PDB file of all heavy atoms in Angstrom:
ATOM      1  N   SER A   1     -14.966 -17.718   7.216  1.00  0.00           N
ATOM      2  CA  SER A   1     -15.214 -18.024   5.803  1.00  0.00           C
ATOM      3  C   SER A   1     -14.459 -17.044   4.902  1.00  0.00           C
ATOM      4  O   SER A   1     -14.269 -15.867   5.241  1.00  0.00           O
ATOM      5  CB  SER A   1     -16.703 -17.899   5.487  1.00  0.00           C
ATOM      6  OG  SER A   1     -17.497 -18.694   6.325  1.00  0.00           O
ATOM      7  N   LEU A   2     -14.037 -17.530   3.734  1.00  0.00           N
ATOM      8  CA  LEU A   2     -13.488 -16.646   2.719  1.00  0.00           C
ATOM      9  C   LEU A   2     -14.597 -15.699   2.279  1.00  0.00           C
ATOM     10  O   LEU A   2     -15.691 -16.137   1.910  1.00  0.00           O
ATOM     11  CB  LEU A   2     -12.989 -17.474   1.532  1.00  0.00           C
ATOM     12  CG  LEU A   2     -12.223 -16.728   0.442  1.00  0.00           C
ATOM     13  CD1 LEU A   2     -10.875 -16.242   0.957  1.00  0.00           C
ATOM     14  CD2 LEU A   2     -12.029 -17.623  -0.785  1.00  0.00           C
ATOM     15  N   ILE A   3     -14.355 -14.398   2.347  1.00  0.00           N
ATOM     16  CA  ILE A   3     -15.359 -13.410   1.970  1.00  0.00           C
ATOM     17  C   ILE A   3     -15.045 -12.898   0.568  1.00  0.00           C
ATOM     18  O   ILE A   3     -13.919 -12.475   0.285  1.00  0.00           O
ATOM     19  CB  ILE A   3     -15.404 -12.236   2.968  1.00  0.00           C
ATOM     20  CG1 ILE A   3     -15.700 -12.749   4.381  1.00  0.00           C
ATOM     21  CG2 ILE A   3     -16.470 -11.223   2.542  1.00  0.00           C
ATOM     22  CD1 ILE A   3     -15.644 -11.661   5.448  1.00  0.00           C
ATOM     23  N   LEU A   4     -16.032 -12.947  -0.290  1.00  0.00           N
ATOM     24  CA  LEU A   4     -15.909 -12.503  -1.679  1.00  0.00           C
ATOM     25  C   LEU A   4     -16.745 -11.245  -1.868  1.00  0.00           C
ATOM     26  O   LEU A   4     -17.763 -11.059  -1.216  1.00  0.00           O
ATOM     27  CB  LEU A   4     -16.402 -13.596  -2.631  1.00  0.00           C
ATOM     28  CG  LEU A   4     -15.956 -15.033  -2.341  1.00  0.00           C
ATOM     29  CD1 LEU A   4     -16.687 -16.009  -3.258  1.00  0.00           C
ATOM     30  CD2 LEU A   4     -14.445 -15.159  -2.515  1.00  0.00           C
ATOM     31  N   ASN A   5     -16.323 -10.395  -2.804  1.00  0.00           N
ATOM     32  CA  ASN A   5     -17.121  -9.208  -3.124  1.00  0.00           C
ATOM     33  C   ASN A   5     -16.866  -8.839  -4.574  1.00  0.00           C
ATOM     34  O   ASN A   5     -16.201  -9.583  -5.304  1.00  0.00           O
ATOM     35  CB  ASN A   5     -16.786  -8.054  -2.173  1.00  0.00           C
ATOM     36  CG  ASN A   5     -17.963  -7.100  -1.974  1.00  0.00           C
ATOM     37  OD1 ASN A   5     -18.679  -6.764  -2.908  1.00  0.00           O
ATOM     38  ND2 ASN A   5     -18.171  -6.662  -0.750  1.00  0.00           N
ATOM     39  N   GLY A   6     -17.348  -7.681  -5.001  1.00  0.00           N
ATOM     40  CA  GLY A   6     -17.126  -7.191  -6.351  1.00  0.00           C
ATOM     41  C   GLY A   6     -16.082  -6.094  -6.387  1.00  0.00           C
ATOM     42  O   GLY A   6     -15.495  -5.720  -5.361  1.00  0.00           O
ATOM     43  N   SER A   7     -15.878  -5.535  -7.564  1.00  0.00           N
ATOM     44  CA  SER A   7     -14.816  -4.545  -7.769  1.00  0.00           C
ATOM     45  C   SER A   7     -15.029  -3.252  -7.002  1.00  0.00           C
ATOM     46  O   SER A   7     -14.088  -2.480  -6.820  1.00  0.00           O
ATOM     47  CB  SER A   7     -14.704  -4.219  -9.264  1.00  0.00           C
ATOM     48  OG  SER A   7     -14.435  -5.368 -10.029  1.00  0.00           O
ATOM     49  N   ALA A   8     -16.255  -2.997  -6.550  1.00  0.00           N
ATOM     50  CA  ALA A   8     -16.544  -1.726  -5.872  1.00  0.00           C
ATOM     51  C   ALA A   8     -15.721  -1.514  -4.616  1.00  0.00           C
ATOM     52  O   ALA A   8     -15.556  -0.381  -4.169  1.00  0.00           O
ATOM     53  CB  ALA A   8     -18.029  -1.631  -5.540  1.00  0.00           C
ATOM     54  N   VAL A   9     -15.211  -2.600  -4.030  1.00  0.00           N
ATOM     55  CA  VAL A   9     -14.400  -2.453  -2.819  1.00  0.00           C
ATOM     56  C   VAL A   9     -12.911  -2.592  -3.107  1.00  0.00           C
ATOM     57  O   VAL A   9     -12.106  -2.795  -2.192  1.00  0.00           O
ATOM     58  CB  VAL A   9     -14.837  -3.454  -1.723  1.00  0.00           C
ATOM     59  CG1 VAL A   9     -16.216  -3.108  -1.216  1.00  0.00           C
ATOM     60  CG2 VAL A   9     -14.813  -4.881  -2.229  1.00  0.00           C
ATOM     61  N   ASP A  10     -12.530  -2.481  -4.382  1.00  0.00           N
ATOM     62  CA  ASP A  10     -11.102  -2.468  -4.717  1.00  0.00           C
ATOM     63  C   ASP A  10     -10.457  -1.235  -4.096  1.00  0.00           C
ATOM     64  O   ASP A  10     -11.075  -0.173  -3.990  1.00  0.00           O
ATOM     65  CB  ASP A  10     -10.930  -2.444  -6.236  1.00  0.00           C
ATOM     66  CG  ASP A  10      -9.473  -2.487  -6.660  1.00  0.00           C
ATOM     67  OD1 ASP A  10      -8.676  -3.127  -5.941  1.00  0.00           O
ATOM     68  OD2 ASP A  10      -9.137  -1.899  -7.700  1.00  0.00           O
ATOM     69  N   GLY A  11      -9.195  -1.367  -3.699  1.00  0.00           N
ATOM     70  CA  GLY A  11      -8.468  -0.256  -3.101  1.00  0.00           C
ATOM     71  C   GLY A  11      -8.189  -0.516  -1.632  1.00  0.00           C
ATOM     72  O   GLY A  11      -8.878  -1.299  -0.976  1.00  0.00           O
ATOM     73  N   SER A  12      -7.184   0.173  -1.119  1.00  0.00           N
ATOM     74  CA  SER A  12      -6.790  -0.018   0.278  1.00  0.00           C
ATOM     75  C   SER A  12      -7.294   1.091   1.187  1.00  0.00           C
ATOM     76  O   SER A  12      -7.057   1.054   2.398  1.00  0.00           O
ATOM     77  CB  SER A  12      -5.257  -0.089   0.369  1.00  0.00           C
ATOM     78  OG  SER A  12      -4.680   1.099  -0.139  1.00  0.00           O
ATOM     79  N   TYR A  13      -8.025   2.048   0.615  1.00  0.00           N
ATOM     80  CA  TYR A  13      -8.421   3.245   1.362  1.00  0.00           C
ATOM     81  C   TYR A  13      -9.346   2.932   2.543  1.00  0.00           C
ATOM     82  O   TYR A  13      -9.441   3.710   3.489  1.00  0.00           O
ATOM     83  CB  TYR A  13      -9.113   4.238   0.422  1.00  0.00           C
ATOM     84  CG  TYR A  13     -10.361   3.703  -0.236  1.00  0.00           C
ATOM     85  CD1 TYR A  13     -11.609   3.919   0.328  1.00  0.00           C
ATOM     86  CD2 TYR A  13     -10.286   2.971  -1.408  1.00  0.00           C
ATOM     87  CE1 TYR A  13     -12.754   3.420  -0.267  1.00  0.00           C
ATOM     88  CE2 TYR A  13     -11.427   2.476  -2.013  1.00  0.00           C
ATOM     89  CZ  TYR A  13     -12.653   2.704  -1.443  1.00  0.00           C
ATOM     90  OH  TYR A  13     -13.784   2.196  -2.041  1.00  0.00           O
ATOM     91  N   TRP A  14     -10.043   1.794   2.513  1.00  0.00           N
ATOM     92  CA  TRP A  14     -11.019   1.469   3.558  1.00  0.00           C
ATOM     93  C   TRP A  14     -10.504   0.470   4.587  1.00  0.00           C
ATOM     94  O   TRP A  14     -11.216   0.152   5.544  1.00  0.00           O
ATOM     95  CB  TRP A  14     -12.286   0.896   2.914  1.00  0.00           C
ATOM     96  CG  TRP A  14     -12.073  -0.351   2.095  1.00  0.00           C
ATOM     97  CD1 TRP A  14     -11.666  -0.422   0.799  1.00  0.00           C
ATOM     98  CD2 TRP A  14     -12.253  -1.704   2.534  1.00  0.00           C
ATOM     99  NE1 TRP A  14     -11.588  -1.738   0.391  1.00  0.00           N
ATOM    100  CE2 TRP A  14     -11.946  -2.544   1.433  1.00  0.00           C
ATOM    101  CE3 TRP A  14     -12.662  -2.296   3.728  1.00  0.00           C
ATOM    102  CZ2 TRP A  14     -12.019  -3.936   1.510  1.00  0.00           C
ATOM    103  CZ3 TRP A  14     -12.730  -3.687   3.815  1.00  0.00           C
ATOM    104  CH2 TRP A  14     -12.420  -4.488   2.703  1.00  0.00           C
ATOM    105  N   LEU A  15      -9.290   0.004   4.428  1.00  0.00           N
ATOM    106  CA  LEU A  15      -8.816  -1.113   5.242  1.00  0.00           C
ATOM    107  C   LEU A  15      -8.525  -0.741   6.697  1.00  0.00           C
ATOM    108  O   LEU A  15      -8.461  -1.628   7.557  1.00  0.00           O
ATOM    109  CB  LEU A  15      -7.584  -1.749   4.601  1.00  0.00           C
ATOM    110  CG  LEU A  15      -7.860  -2.479   3.277  1.00  0.00           C
ATOM    111  CD1 LEU A  15      -6.576  -3.034   2.691  1.00  0.00           C
ATOM    112  CD2 LEU A  15      -8.882  -3.587   3.484  1.00  0.00           C
ATOM    113  N   ASP A  16      -8.377   0.546   6.982  1.00  0.00           N
ATOM    114  CA  ASP A  16      -8.190   0.940   8.389  1.00  0.00           C
ATOM    115  C   ASP A  16      -9.410   0.564   9.229  1.00  0.00           C
ATOM    116  O   ASP A  16      -9.303   0.386  10.454  1.00  0.00           O
ATOM    117  CB  ASP A  16      -7.936   2.441   8.500  1.00  0.00           C
ATOM    118  CG  ASP A  16      -6.550   2.832   8.025  1.00  0.00           C
ATOM    119  OD1 ASP A  16      -5.705   1.927   7.866  1.00  0.00           O
ATOM    120  OD2 ASP A  16      -6.316   4.034   7.793  1.00  0.00           O
ATOM    121  N   ALA A  17     -10.568   0.451   8.570  1.00  0.00           N
ATOM    122  CA  ALA A  17     -11.796   0.094   9.296  1.00  0.00           C
ATOM    123  C   ALA A  17     -11.862  -1.390   9.625  1.00  0.00           C
ATOM    124  O   ALA A  17     -12.711  -1.808  10.421  1.00  0.00           O
ATOM    125  CB  ALA A  17     -13.024   0.490   8.465  1.00  0.00           C
ATOM    126  N   THR A  18     -10.968  -2.182   9.027  1.00  0.00           N
ATOM    127  CA  THR A  18     -10.949  -3.638   9.262  1.00  0.00           C
ATOM    128  C   THR A  18      -9.509  -4.073   9.513  1.00  0.00           C
ATOM    129  O   THR A  18      -8.884  -4.707   8.653  1.00  0.00           O
ATOM    130  CB  THR A  18     -11.536  -4.389   8.056  1.00  0.00           C
ATOM    131  OG1 THR A  18     -10.813  -3.991   6.884  1.00  0.00           O
ATOM    132  CG2 THR A  18     -13.004  -4.067   7.863  1.00  0.00           C
ATOM    133  N   PRO A  19      -8.941  -3.762  10.664  1.00  0.00           N
ATOM    134  CA  PRO A  19      -7.512  -4.018  10.914  1.00  0.00           C
ATOM    135  C   PRO A  19      -7.115  -5.472  10.708  1.00  0.00           C
ATOM    136  O   PRO A  19      -7.830  -6.385  11.113  1.00  0.00           O
ATOM    137  CB  PRO A  19      -7.346  -3.597  12.382  1.00  0.00           C
ATOM    138  CG  PRO A  19      -8.468  -2.649  12.648  1.00  0.00           C
ATOM    139  CD  PRO A  19      -9.612  -3.141  11.820  1.00  0.00           C
ATOM    140  N   ASP A  20      -5.969  -5.663  10.038  1.00  0.00           N
ATOM    141  CA  ASP A  20      -5.360  -6.980   9.844  1.00  0.00           C
ATOM    142  C   ASP A  20      -6.292  -7.964   9.132  1.00  0.00           C
ATOM    143  O   ASP A  20      -6.233  -9.172   9.372  1.00  0.00           O
ATOM    144  CB  ASP A  20      -4.916  -7.563  11.192  1.00  0.00           C
ATOM    145  CG  ASP A  20      -3.820  -8.618  11.014  1.00  0.00           C
ATOM    146  OD1 ASP A  20      -2.963  -8.438  10.139  1.00  0.00           O
ATOM    147  OD2 ASP A  20      -3.857  -9.628  11.738  1.00  0.00           O
ATOM    148  N   LEU A  21      -7.108  -7.459   8.238  1.00  0.00           N
ATOM    149  CA  LEU A  21      -8.066  -8.307   7.523  1.00  0.00           C
ATOM    150  C   LEU A  21      -7.344  -9.321   6.648  1.00  0.00           C
ATOM    151  O   LEU A  21      -6.393  -8.998   5.940  1.00  0.00           O
ATOM    152  CB  LEU A  21      -8.973  -7.438   6.648  1.00  0.00           C
ATOM    153  CG  LEU A  21      -9.965  -8.180   5.738  1.00  0.00           C
ATOM    154  CD1 LEU A  21     -10.988  -8.949   6.567  1.00  0.00           C
ATOM    155  CD2 LEU A  21     -10.671  -7.185   4.805  1.00  0.00           C
ATOM    156  N   SER A  22      -7.831 -10.566   6.666  1.00  0.00           N
ATOM    157  CA  SER A  22      -7.353 -11.613   5.771  1.00  0.00           C
ATOM    158  C   SER A  22      -8.557 -12.359   5.194  1.00  0.00           C
ATOM    159  O   SER A  22      -9.670 -12.276   5.710  1.00  0.00           O
ATOM    160  CB  SER A  22      -6.456 -12.612   6.504  1.00  0.00           C
ATOM    161  OG  SER A  22      -5.217 -12.031   6.871  1.00  0.00           O
ATOM    162  N   GLY A  23      -8.303 -13.096   4.109  1.00  0.00           N
ATOM    163  CA  GLY A  23      -9.350 -13.918   3.538  1.00  0.00           C
ATOM    164  C   GLY A  23     -10.464 -13.126   2.890  1.00  0.00           C
ATOM    165  O   GLY A  23     -11.637 -13.490   2.981  1.00  0.00           O
ATOM    166  N   PHE A  24     -10.093 -12.050   2.198  1.00  0.00           N
ATOM    167  CA  PHE A  24     -11.072 -11.211   1.503  1.00  0.00           C
ATOM    168  C   PHE A  24     -10.612 -11.071   0.056  1.00  0.00           C
ATOM    169  O   PHE A  24      -9.468 -10.679  -0.201  1.00  0.00           O
ATOM    170  CB  PHE A  24     -11.169  -9.835   2.162  1.00  0.00           C
ATOM    171  CG  PHE A  24     -12.250  -8.957   1.601  1.00  0.00           C
ATOM    172  CD1 PHE A  24     -13.541  -9.016   2.104  1.00  0.00           C
ATOM    173  CD2 PHE A  24     -11.982  -8.073   0.565  1.00  0.00           C
ATOM    174  CE1 PHE A  24     -14.544  -8.211   1.591  1.00  0.00           C
ATOM    175  CE2 PHE A  24     -12.974  -7.274   0.041  1.00  0.00           C
ATOM    176  CZ  PHE A  24     -14.261  -7.338   0.551  1.00  0.00           C
ATOM    177  N   VAL A  25     -11.485 -11.375  -0.903  1.00  0.00           N
ATOM    178  CA  VAL A  25     -11.088 -11.476  -2.308  1.00  0.00           C
ATOM    179  C   VAL A  25     -12.049 -10.700  -3.198  1.00  0.00           C
ATOM    180  O   VAL A  25     -13.273 -10.782  -3.021  1.00  0.00           O
ATOM    181  CB  VAL A  25     -11.054 -12.953  -2.757  1.00  0.00           C
ATOM    182  CG1 VAL A  25     -10.551 -13.071  -4.195  1.00  0.00           C
ATOM    183  CG2 VAL A  25     -10.165 -13.781  -1.832  1.00  0.00           C
ATOM    184  N   VAL A  26     -11.483  -9.969  -4.169  1.00  0.00           N
ATOM    185  CA  VAL A  26     -12.301  -9.257  -5.159  1.00  0.00           C
ATOM    186  C   VAL A  26     -11.699  -9.454  -6.552  1.00  0.00           C
ATOM    187  O   VAL A  26     -10.482  -9.607  -6.699  1.00  0.00           O
ATOM    188  CB  VAL A  26     -12.398  -7.745  -4.857  1.00  0.00           C
ATOM    189  CG1 VAL A  26     -13.091  -7.503  -3.534  1.00  0.00           C
ATOM    190  CG2 VAL A  26     -11.031  -7.082  -4.876  1.00  0.00           C
ATOM    191  N   PRO A  27     -12.549  -9.435  -7.591  1.00  0.00           N
ATOM    192  CA  PRO A  27     -12.058  -9.485  -8.970  1.00  0.00           C
ATOM    193  C   PRO A  27     -12.010  -8.070  -9.549  1.00  0.00           C
ATOM    194  O   PRO A  27     -12.923  -7.282  -9.331  1.00  0.00           O
ATOM    195  CB  PRO A  27     -13.137 -10.314  -9.676  1.00  0.00           C
ATOM    196  CG  PRO A  27     -14.399  -9.945  -8.956  1.00  0.00           C
ATOM    197  CD  PRO A  27     -14.021  -9.567  -7.540  1.00  0.00           C
ATOM    198  N   VAL A  28     -10.952  -7.743 -10.268  1.00  0.00           N
ATOM    199  CA  VAL A  28     -10.799  -6.397 -10.827  1.00  0.00           C
ATOM    200  C   VAL A  28     -10.288  -6.498 -12.275  1.00  0.00           C
ATOM    201  O   VAL A  28      -9.754  -7.523 -12.690  1.00  0.00           O
ATOM    202  CB  VAL A  28      -9.828  -5.540  -9.996  1.00  0.00           C
ATOM    203  CG1 VAL A  28     -10.361  -5.316  -8.591  1.00  0.00           C
ATOM    204  CG2 VAL A  28      -8.443  -6.172  -9.931  1.00  0.00           C
ATOM    205  N   GLN A  29     -10.433  -5.403 -13.012  1.00  0.00           N
ATOM    206  CA  GLN A  29      -9.976  -5.388 -14.402  1.00  0.00           C
ATOM    207  C   GLN A  29      -8.464  -5.242 -14.514  1.00  0.00           C
ATOM    208  O   GLN A  29      -7.878  -5.562 -15.554  1.00  0.00           O
ATOM    209  CB  GLN A  29     -10.689  -4.271 -15.164  1.00  0.00           C
ATOM    210  CG  GLN A  29     -12.185  -4.505 -15.265  1.00  0.00           C
ATOM    211  CD  GLN A  29     -12.902  -3.369 -15.947  1.00  0.00           C
ATOM    212  OE1 GLN A  29     -12.572  -2.970 -17.076  1.00  0.00           O
ATOM    213  NE2 GLN A  29     -13.900  -2.803 -15.277  1.00  0.00           N
ATOM    214  N   GLY A  30      -7.834  -4.748 -13.476  1.00  0.00           N
ATOM    215  CA  GLY A  30      -6.386  -4.603 -13.457  1.00  0.00           C
ATOM    216  C   GLY A  30      -5.950  -4.241 -12.052  1.00  0.00           C
ATOM    217  O   GLY A  30      -6.739  -3.696 -11.263  1.00  0.00           O
ATOM    218  N   SER A  31      -4.706  -4.521 -11.718  1.00  0.00           N
ATOM    219  CA  SER A  31      -4.210  -4.260 -10.375  1.00  0.00           C
ATOM    220  C   SER A  31      -3.585  -2.878 -10.276  1.00  0.00           C
ATOM    221  O   SER A  31      -2.739  -2.506 -11.094  1.00  0.00           O
ATOM    222  CB  SER A  31      -3.176  -5.314  -9.971  1.00  0.00           C
ATOM    223  OG  SER A  31      -2.609  -4.980  -8.714  1.00  0.00           O
ATOM    224  N   ILE A  32      -3.982  -2.138  -9.250  1.00  0.00           N
ATOM    225  CA  ILE A  32      -3.406  -0.812  -8.997  1.00  0.00           C
ATOM    226  C   ILE A  32      -2.146  -0.909  -8.142  1.00  0.00           C
ATOM    227  O   ILE A  32      -1.520   0.117  -7.863  1.00  0.00           O
ATOM    228  CB  ILE A  32      -4.424   0.105  -8.288  1.00  0.00           C
ATOM    229  CG1 ILE A  32      -4.801  -0.470  -6.903  1.00  0.00           C
ATOM    230  CG2 ILE A  32      -5.671   0.296  -9.149  1.00  0.00           C
ATOM    231  CD1 ILE A  32      -5.688   0.441  -6.068  1.00  0.00           C
TER     232      ILE A  32
END
């Protein structure tokens, strides 16, 4: 399933914990 979340998980700093993650979407006020 497409996984949605909030802005709190914006950033790439945590992605090592989920290798090759796809289908994850968040809304943010601006792109870093």
